[in-house]
Protein backbone atom coordinates (compact mmCIF):
# COMPACT_ATOMS: atom_id res chain seq x y z
CA MET A 1 -39.15 23.28 -5.91
CA ILE A 2 -39.89 21.55 -9.26
CA ARG A 3 -38.91 24.00 -10.86
CA LEU A 4 -35.84 24.61 -8.74
CA ALA A 5 -34.50 20.83 -9.47
CA LYS A 6 -35.31 21.33 -12.63
CA LYS A 7 -32.97 24.11 -12.99
CA THR A 8 -30.45 22.44 -10.86
CA PHE A 9 -30.43 19.29 -13.02
CA SER A 10 -30.21 21.41 -16.31
CA SER A 11 -27.42 22.78 -15.02
CA PHE A 12 -25.33 19.47 -14.19
CA PHE A 13 -25.99 18.06 -17.29
CA GLN A 14 -25.28 21.35 -19.22
CA ARG A 15 -21.63 21.17 -17.19
CA ALA A 16 -21.41 17.65 -18.26
CA ARG A 17 -22.20 17.79 -21.54
CA ARG A 18 -19.42 20.79 -21.89
CA LYS A 19 -15.78 19.76 -23.34
CA PRO A 20 -12.78 20.99 -20.99
CA SER A 21 -10.08 23.26 -23.10
CA ALA A 22 -7.91 20.94 -22.93
CA HIS A 23 -7.79 17.14 -23.55
CA PRO A 24 -10.38 15.28 -21.64
CA LEU A 25 -7.66 12.69 -20.02
CA HIS A 26 -7.49 12.25 -16.11
CA SER A 27 -4.29 13.26 -14.30
CA VAL A 28 -1.51 10.46 -13.46
CA GLU A 29 -2.42 10.99 -9.84
CA ARG A 30 -6.25 10.45 -10.38
CA MET A 31 -5.64 7.42 -13.20
CA GLN A 32 -3.36 5.74 -9.90
CA ALA A 33 -6.46 5.81 -7.85
CA ILE A 34 -8.92 4.78 -10.41
CA ILE A 35 -6.62 1.64 -11.03
CA GLU A 36 -6.10 1.52 -7.36
CA ARG A 37 -10.10 1.57 -6.74
CA GLU A 38 -10.45 -1.02 -9.10
CA ARG A 39 -8.16 -3.31 -7.53
CA VAL A 40 -9.50 -2.94 -4.05
CA ARG A 41 -13.31 -3.46 -5.94
CA SER A 42 -11.49 -6.73 -7.88
CA ASP A 43 -10.21 -7.97 -4.31
CA ARG A 44 -13.73 -7.39 -2.38
CA GLY A 45 -15.68 -9.78 -4.90
CA SER A 46 -15.01 -11.48 -7.80
CA SER A 47 -15.37 -8.51 -10.43
CA LYS A 48 -12.27 -8.43 -13.51
CA PHE A 49 -10.92 -5.93 -15.25
CA ALA A 50 -8.50 -5.07 -17.64
CA LEU A 51 -5.92 -2.04 -18.81
CA LEU A 52 -4.94 -1.31 -22.00
CA VAL A 53 -1.87 0.59 -22.58
CA PHE A 54 -1.33 3.14 -25.82
CA THR A 55 2.55 3.81 -25.93
CA LEU A 56 3.04 7.56 -28.05
CA PRO A 57 6.26 7.52 -30.10
CA SER A 58 6.44 10.74 -28.50
CA ARG A 59 5.56 13.39 -25.96
CA GLY A 60 4.06 15.93 -27.96
CA SER A 61 1.06 17.49 -27.25
CA GLN A 62 -0.26 16.67 -31.06
CA GLU A 63 -0.31 13.09 -31.09
CA LEU A 64 -1.42 12.87 -26.64
CA ASP A 65 -4.73 15.32 -28.34
CA ALA A 66 -5.17 13.14 -31.35
CA LEU A 67 -5.24 10.12 -29.38
CA ALA A 68 -7.69 11.80 -26.41
CA ARG A 69 -9.83 12.92 -29.25
CA VAL A 70 -10.41 9.39 -30.07
CA LEU A 71 -10.80 7.55 -26.90
CA GLU A 72 -13.11 10.44 -25.89
CA HIS A 73 -15.83 9.06 -28.19
CA ARG A 74 -14.98 5.68 -28.51
CA ILE A 75 -14.57 4.53 -24.97
CA ARG A 76 -17.96 3.37 -22.63
CA ILE A 77 -18.96 5.68 -19.95
CA THR A 78 -18.08 3.05 -17.49
CA ASP A 79 -14.97 2.85 -19.16
CA ASP A 80 -11.59 5.55 -17.52
CA ALA A 81 -9.21 6.98 -20.24
CA GLY A 82 -5.80 9.17 -18.27
CA LEU A 83 -2.31 9.54 -18.51
CA LEU A 84 0.32 7.01 -16.49
CA ASP A 85 3.07 8.83 -17.52
CA GLY A 86 4.79 11.23 -19.56
CA HIS A 87 4.30 9.46 -23.14
CA ARG A 88 1.53 6.29 -22.33
CA VAL A 89 -1.98 6.42 -21.75
CA GLY A 90 -4.39 4.04 -20.13
CA VAL A 91 -7.72 2.95 -20.26
CA VAL A 92 -9.22 1.28 -17.35
CA LEU A 93 -11.61 -1.88 -18.46
CA PRO A 94 -14.30 -3.04 -15.87
CA GLU A 95 -15.47 -6.11 -16.93
CA THR A 96 -14.20 -6.50 -19.47
CA PRO A 97 -11.81 -9.47 -20.97
CA VAL A 98 -8.81 -9.50 -22.74
CA SER A 99 -10.03 -10.25 -26.08
CA GLY A 100 -12.45 -7.11 -25.58
CA ALA A 101 -9.30 -4.75 -24.45
CA TRP A 102 -7.56 -5.75 -27.49
CA LYS A 103 -10.38 -5.45 -29.64
CA LEU A 104 -10.83 -2.16 -28.40
CA SER A 105 -6.94 -1.20 -29.20
CA ALA A 106 -8.03 -2.22 -32.87
CA ASP A 107 -10.80 -0.02 -33.60
CA VAL A 108 -8.42 2.92 -31.18
CA CYS A 109 -5.71 2.61 -33.92
CA GLU A 110 -7.85 2.46 -36.97
CA LEU A 111 -9.75 5.44 -36.50
CA LEU A 112 -6.04 7.31 -34.98
CA PRO A 113 -4.23 9.49 -38.07
CA SER A 114 -2.01 7.30 -40.88
CA ASP A 115 1.07 8.52 -38.68
CA LEU A 116 -0.53 7.29 -35.31
CA ARG A 117 -1.66 4.08 -36.21
CA ARG A 118 1.63 2.09 -35.29
CA LEU A 119 1.31 2.75 -31.11
CA GLU A 120 2.81 0.19 -28.78
CA CYS A 121 -0.07 -0.91 -27.30
CA GLN A 122 -0.35 -3.42 -24.55
CA VAL A 123 -3.06 -5.42 -22.27
CA TYR A 124 -2.66 -6.13 -18.59
CA VAL A 125 -5.24 -7.60 -16.63
CA TYR A 126 -6.21 -8.33 -13.00
CA PRO A 127 -6.07 -10.71 -11.31
CA THR A 128 -4.81 -12.71 -12.93
CA PRO A 129 -6.52 -16.16 -14.02
CA PRO A 130 -4.89 -19.45 -12.69
CA ALA A 131 -1.70 -20.68 -15.24
CA PRO A 132 -2.98 -24.11 -16.69
CA THR A 133 0.48 -25.57 -15.45
CA ALA A 134 2.30 -27.81 -13.26
CA GLU A 135 2.80 -23.91 -10.93
CA PRO A 136 -0.88 -22.61 -11.27
CA LYS A 137 -0.17 -20.14 -8.67
CA ARG A 138 2.30 -18.05 -10.38
CA PRO A 139 0.97 -14.59 -12.39
CA HIS A 140 1.64 -15.73 -16.07
CA PRO A 141 0.87 -14.24 -19.15
CA VAL A 142 -2.20 -14.29 -21.04
CA GLU A 143 -3.20 -15.82 -24.25
CA VAL A 144 -6.42 -15.15 -26.23
CA THR A 145 -6.58 -16.26 -30.05
CA ALA A 146 -8.00 -13.15 -32.69
CA GLY A 147 -8.28 -14.13 -35.83
CA ASP A 148 -5.05 -15.85 -36.49
CA GLU A 149 -3.27 -13.50 -34.53
CA ARG A 150 -2.48 -14.62 -31.04
CA ARG A 151 -2.46 -11.82 -28.21
CA ARG A 152 -1.05 -11.80 -25.20
CA ALA A 153 -2.07 -10.01 -21.99
CA ARG A 154 0.24 -9.24 -19.36
CA PRO A 155 -0.05 -9.73 -15.78
CA MET A 156 -1.09 -6.39 -13.88
CA GLU A 157 0.48 -7.13 -10.61
CA VAL A 158 3.65 -6.02 -11.90
CA LEU A 159 2.16 -2.62 -12.61
CA PHE A 160 1.50 -2.59 -8.19
CA LEU A 161 5.18 -3.20 -7.11
CA GLN A 162 7.13 -0.71 -4.88
CA GLU A 163 10.96 -1.23 -5.26
CA LEU A 164 13.66 -0.55 -2.29
CA PRO A 165 13.45 3.41 -2.02
CA ALA A 166 17.51 5.04 -1.67
CA TRP A 167 16.88 5.20 2.33
CA LYS A 168 16.43 2.01 2.88
CA ARG A 169 18.92 0.20 0.51
CA VAL A 170 21.43 2.29 2.06
CA ILE A 171 20.00 1.79 5.78
CA ASP A 172 19.40 -2.79 4.50
CA LEU A 173 23.45 -2.86 3.50
CA ALA A 174 24.75 -0.29 6.04
CA GLY A 175 22.81 -2.00 8.97
CA ALA A 176 23.55 -6.15 7.62
CA GLY A 177 26.76 -5.10 6.74
CA THR A 178 27.43 -3.95 11.04
CA ALA A 179 25.76 -6.01 12.34
CA LEU A 180 27.34 -9.70 10.27
CA LEU A 181 30.73 -8.45 11.30
CA ILE A 182 29.57 -7.72 15.07
CA ALA A 183 28.01 -11.07 14.73
CA SER A 184 30.99 -13.01 13.45
CA PRO A 185 31.98 -14.71 16.60
CA VAL A 186 28.60 -16.03 17.01
CA LEU A 187 28.39 -16.87 13.49
CA LEU A 188 31.08 -19.00 14.09
CA THR A 189 29.62 -20.19 17.38
CA VAL A 190 26.37 -21.53 16.55
CA ALA A 191 27.92 -23.44 13.43
CA LEU A 192 30.23 -24.86 15.62
CA ALA A 193 27.46 -26.15 17.96
CA ILE A 194 24.92 -27.46 15.73
CA LYS A 195 27.31 -29.71 13.35
CA LEU A 196 28.53 -31.45 17.20
CA THR A 197 24.47 -31.74 18.13
CA SER A 198 23.04 -33.41 15.15
CA ARG A 199 23.71 -34.89 12.11
CA GLY A 200 23.47 -32.56 8.86
CA PRO A 201 24.34 -29.29 7.48
CA ILE A 202 24.62 -26.15 8.99
CA PHE A 203 22.67 -24.05 7.04
CA PHE A 204 18.66 -24.54 5.63
CA ALA A 205 18.21 -23.06 2.27
CA GLN A 206 14.45 -22.48 1.50
CA GLN A 207 12.52 -21.14 -1.12
CA ARG A 208 10.07 -17.98 -0.44
CA ASP A 209 8.42 -15.70 -2.31
CA GLY A 210 9.89 -11.93 -2.04
CA LEU A 211 8.83 -8.91 -4.35
CA GLY A 212 5.88 -9.45 -7.17
CA GLY A 213 5.90 -13.24 -5.96
CA ARG A 214 9.68 -13.83 -7.38
CA LYS A 215 11.51 -17.12 -6.09
CA PHE A 216 14.47 -16.86 -4.14
CA ARG A 217 16.37 -19.02 -1.74
CA ILE A 218 16.18 -17.71 2.16
CA TYR A 219 19.24 -19.46 4.64
CA LYS A 220 19.15 -19.49 8.56
CA PHE A 221 21.43 -22.22 11.00
CA ARG A 222 19.02 -25.78 10.54
CA SER A 223 17.27 -25.69 13.91
CA MET A 224 15.10 -28.73 12.82
CA ILE A 225 16.41 -32.21 11.86
CA VAL A 226 17.00 -33.67 8.56
CA ASP A 227 14.19 -34.13 6.13
CA ALA A 228 11.94 -31.92 8.34
CA ASP A 229 9.99 -30.43 5.32
CA ALA A 230 8.40 -33.69 4.26
CA MET A 231 6.75 -34.47 7.95
CA LYS A 232 4.84 -31.09 7.78
CA ASP A 233 2.33 -32.12 6.30
CA LYS A 234 1.52 -34.41 8.62
CA LEU A 235 1.77 -31.82 11.54
CA ARG A 236 -0.22 -29.82 9.74
CA ALA A 237 -3.58 -30.63 11.72
CA ASN A 238 -1.39 -29.29 15.00
CA SER A 239 -0.64 -25.81 13.40
CA GLU A 240 -1.42 -23.07 15.76
CA GLN A 241 -1.51 -20.50 12.99
CA ASP A 242 -4.77 -20.28 10.51
CA GLY A 243 -4.71 -19.65 6.97
CA PRO A 244 -1.59 -21.07 4.72
CA ALA A 245 0.67 -20.64 7.28
CA PHE A 246 1.85 -22.79 9.50
CA LYS A 247 3.43 -21.91 13.50
CA MET A 248 3.66 -24.82 15.80
CA LYS A 249 4.97 -24.28 19.49
CA ASN A 250 5.62 -27.68 20.51
CA ASP A 251 7.16 -28.85 16.94
CA PRO A 252 8.83 -32.31 17.39
CA ARG A 253 11.22 -31.87 14.28
CA VAL A 254 12.75 -29.10 16.12
CA THR A 255 16.16 -29.81 17.86
CA ARG A 256 16.98 -29.11 21.31
CA LEU A 257 19.94 -26.93 20.16
CA GLY A 258 17.49 -25.49 17.61
CA ARG A 259 14.28 -24.36 20.55
CA PHE A 260 17.35 -21.89 22.10
CA LEU A 261 18.14 -20.56 18.00
CA ARG A 262 14.53 -20.13 17.96
CA ARG A 263 13.41 -18.49 21.51
CA THR A 264 16.79 -15.93 20.50
CA CYS A 265 16.35 -15.58 16.57
CA LEU A 266 19.91 -16.44 16.52
CA ASP A 267 18.55 -18.95 13.62
CA GLU A 268 17.39 -15.89 11.45
CA ILE A 269 21.03 -14.18 11.17
CA PRO A 270 22.44 -15.90 8.10
CA GLN A 271 19.17 -14.00 6.26
CA LEU A 272 21.57 -10.52 6.74
CA PHE A 273 23.05 -12.11 3.25
CA ASN A 274 19.67 -12.26 1.44
CA VAL A 275 19.69 -8.50 2.78
CA LEU A 276 23.21 -7.74 1.27
CA ARG A 277 22.15 -9.24 -2.41
CA GLY A 278 18.87 -7.15 -1.76
CA ASP A 279 16.21 -10.70 -1.99
CA MET A 280 15.38 -8.97 1.74
CA SER A 281 15.49 -5.52 3.37
CA LEU A 282 15.88 -5.26 6.75
CA VAL A 283 12.02 -4.24 7.41
CA GLY A 284 9.67 -5.79 5.29
CA PRO A 285 6.77 -8.78 5.30
CA ARG A 286 8.27 -12.19 6.42
CA PRO A 287 8.83 -13.61 3.19
CA LEU A 288 6.09 -17.21 2.83
CA PRO A 289 7.42 -19.88 1.62
CA SER A 290 6.58 -20.50 -2.03
CA ASN A 291 3.44 -23.67 -1.10
CA GLU A 292 2.10 -21.19 1.66
CA ALA A 293 2.63 -17.71 -0.37
CA GLY A 294 0.70 -19.34 -3.26
CA ASP A 295 -2.15 -20.09 -0.91
CA CYS A 296 -2.08 -15.88 -0.14
CA ARG A 297 -5.73 -15.63 -2.35
CA GLY A 298 -6.98 -11.80 -3.42
CA TRP A 299 -5.97 -8.59 -1.17
CA GLU A 300 -3.58 -10.84 0.58
CA ARG A 301 -1.37 -11.23 -2.37
CA ARG A 302 -0.75 -7.19 -1.77
CA ARG A 303 1.86 -8.20 1.16
CA PHE A 304 3.92 -9.34 -2.34
CA ASP A 305 4.07 -5.52 -3.90
CA VAL A 306 7.12 -4.57 -1.09
CA THR A 307 10.19 -6.19 -0.27
CA PRO A 308 10.23 -8.50 1.95
CA GLY A 309 12.06 -8.10 5.33
CA LEU A 310 13.86 -9.59 8.27
CA THR A 311 11.25 -7.47 11.11
CA CYS A 312 7.60 -5.84 10.79
CA ILE A 313 4.63 -4.76 12.39
CA TRP A 314 3.74 -9.40 13.03
CA GLN A 315 6.98 -9.28 14.40
CA VAL A 316 6.24 -6.65 17.04
CA TYR A 317 2.61 -6.65 17.30
CA GLY A 318 1.31 -10.19 16.47
CA GLY A 319 3.21 -13.39 16.45
CA THR A 320 0.63 -16.46 16.71
CA LYS A 321 -2.02 -14.46 18.90
CA VAL A 322 -3.28 -12.72 15.95
CA THR A 323 -5.14 -14.35 12.87
CA PHE A 324 -3.89 -14.65 9.38
CA ALA A 325 -5.67 -12.15 7.48
CA GLU A 326 -5.30 -9.87 10.89
CA TRP A 327 -1.32 -10.97 9.60
CA MET A 328 -1.73 -10.03 6.37
CA ARG A 329 -3.59 -6.52 7.16
CA MET A 330 -0.48 -5.38 9.52
CA ASP A 331 1.75 -6.45 6.45
CA LEU A 332 -0.21 -3.84 4.54
CA ARG A 333 -0.07 -1.02 6.82
CA TYR A 334 3.44 -1.35 6.61
CA ALA A 335 3.44 -1.57 2.49
CA GLY A 336 0.95 1.43 2.24
CA SER A 337 2.93 3.78 4.86
CA ARG A 338 7.19 2.95 4.08
CA THR A 339 8.90 6.03 5.91
CA LEU A 340 12.80 5.79 7.65
CA TRP A 341 10.72 7.08 10.63
CA LYS A 342 8.99 3.81 10.61
CA ASP A 343 10.96 1.18 9.94
CA LEU A 344 13.88 2.38 13.10
CA ARG A 345 11.21 2.25 15.65
CA LEU A 346 10.11 -1.13 14.45
CA MET A 347 14.24 -1.96 14.58
CA VAL A 348 14.39 -0.68 17.79
CA MET A 349 10.91 -2.53 18.80
CA THR A 350 11.83 -5.93 17.33
CA VAL A 351 14.75 -6.46 20.45
CA PRO A 352 12.32 -6.30 23.02
CA SER A 353 9.16 -8.72 21.38
CA ILE A 354 12.33 -10.97 20.80
CA ILE A 355 13.15 -10.73 24.67
CA ARG A 356 10.03 -11.25 25.66
CA ARG A 357 9.63 -14.31 23.17
CA ASP A 358 5.94 -12.86 21.77
CA GLY A 359 4.83 -15.97 19.67
CA VAL A 360 8.87 -16.90 18.49
CA TYR A 361 8.91 -20.79 18.16
């Protein structure tokens, strides 16, 4: 048994030392999995990691092989190097500060042939440290001083963004345009009713966070009294939703007409204009107000990887009956598996959920 174990370990280490016939870089698919693994590890704990990206001057195999040979002997055993696309190579550096990533960049460029030393290099960091500004929760460039040079690191969150598929954008334009045309008499009726029953503007605009945390203004029919936002802090203790989101069943700020508009979701119709503009989609995680979105932490911020929408799994199955963490998990479940069938199914199922008035107030 002992001889067999020694033979097995000996065979394993021989295979590990054997050089592959091609460059020792991970494939694009494998690198995506590695980066996602490190992101999950970081979200679950307090670890951080950096991603060093080399952009090759051309797509030639000679340049790629030269860079691969240098990386093979320069990176640590805990690091991973692989292809990001046809002309970019990435190096995942766990538990590495920005300065360490730039140091590796300089070392690698020194070891390359002279005609390749002008590689374009970028460093991404995850998670993004708090910014030393008035907006501490927005992703921002991170700077470190190395000698007389100032080196920047970009927030890695930008690499995880999922742009709208073409089929989804087509459905958004066709669906929102048709719905606005059909609902135009309702729009005029609701606008007139708001003007006649309460003081203030017809529409309510609020800053919210969309794809990648980008700020945009969402539009709704006004269902509350004027300056309702100023009263939110006083009512925060009465919120029936845990976490940063604010949900209150008998909110004193809501007007009598506003209660009807909210129950029927008629106040949401103007958001179809946001869909036409591309700020939102018909189906996607509901966009949170910027002050609430800024309080999302770690894995919760993955909801910003996709474009927000009018309805999603939470509207159909959740509402205020679920915790904030469960709400976020529903959003991530949708973000990880967007399909045409799922979007159509959620849009159809939104109608009975409104009729049941589950968690809508």
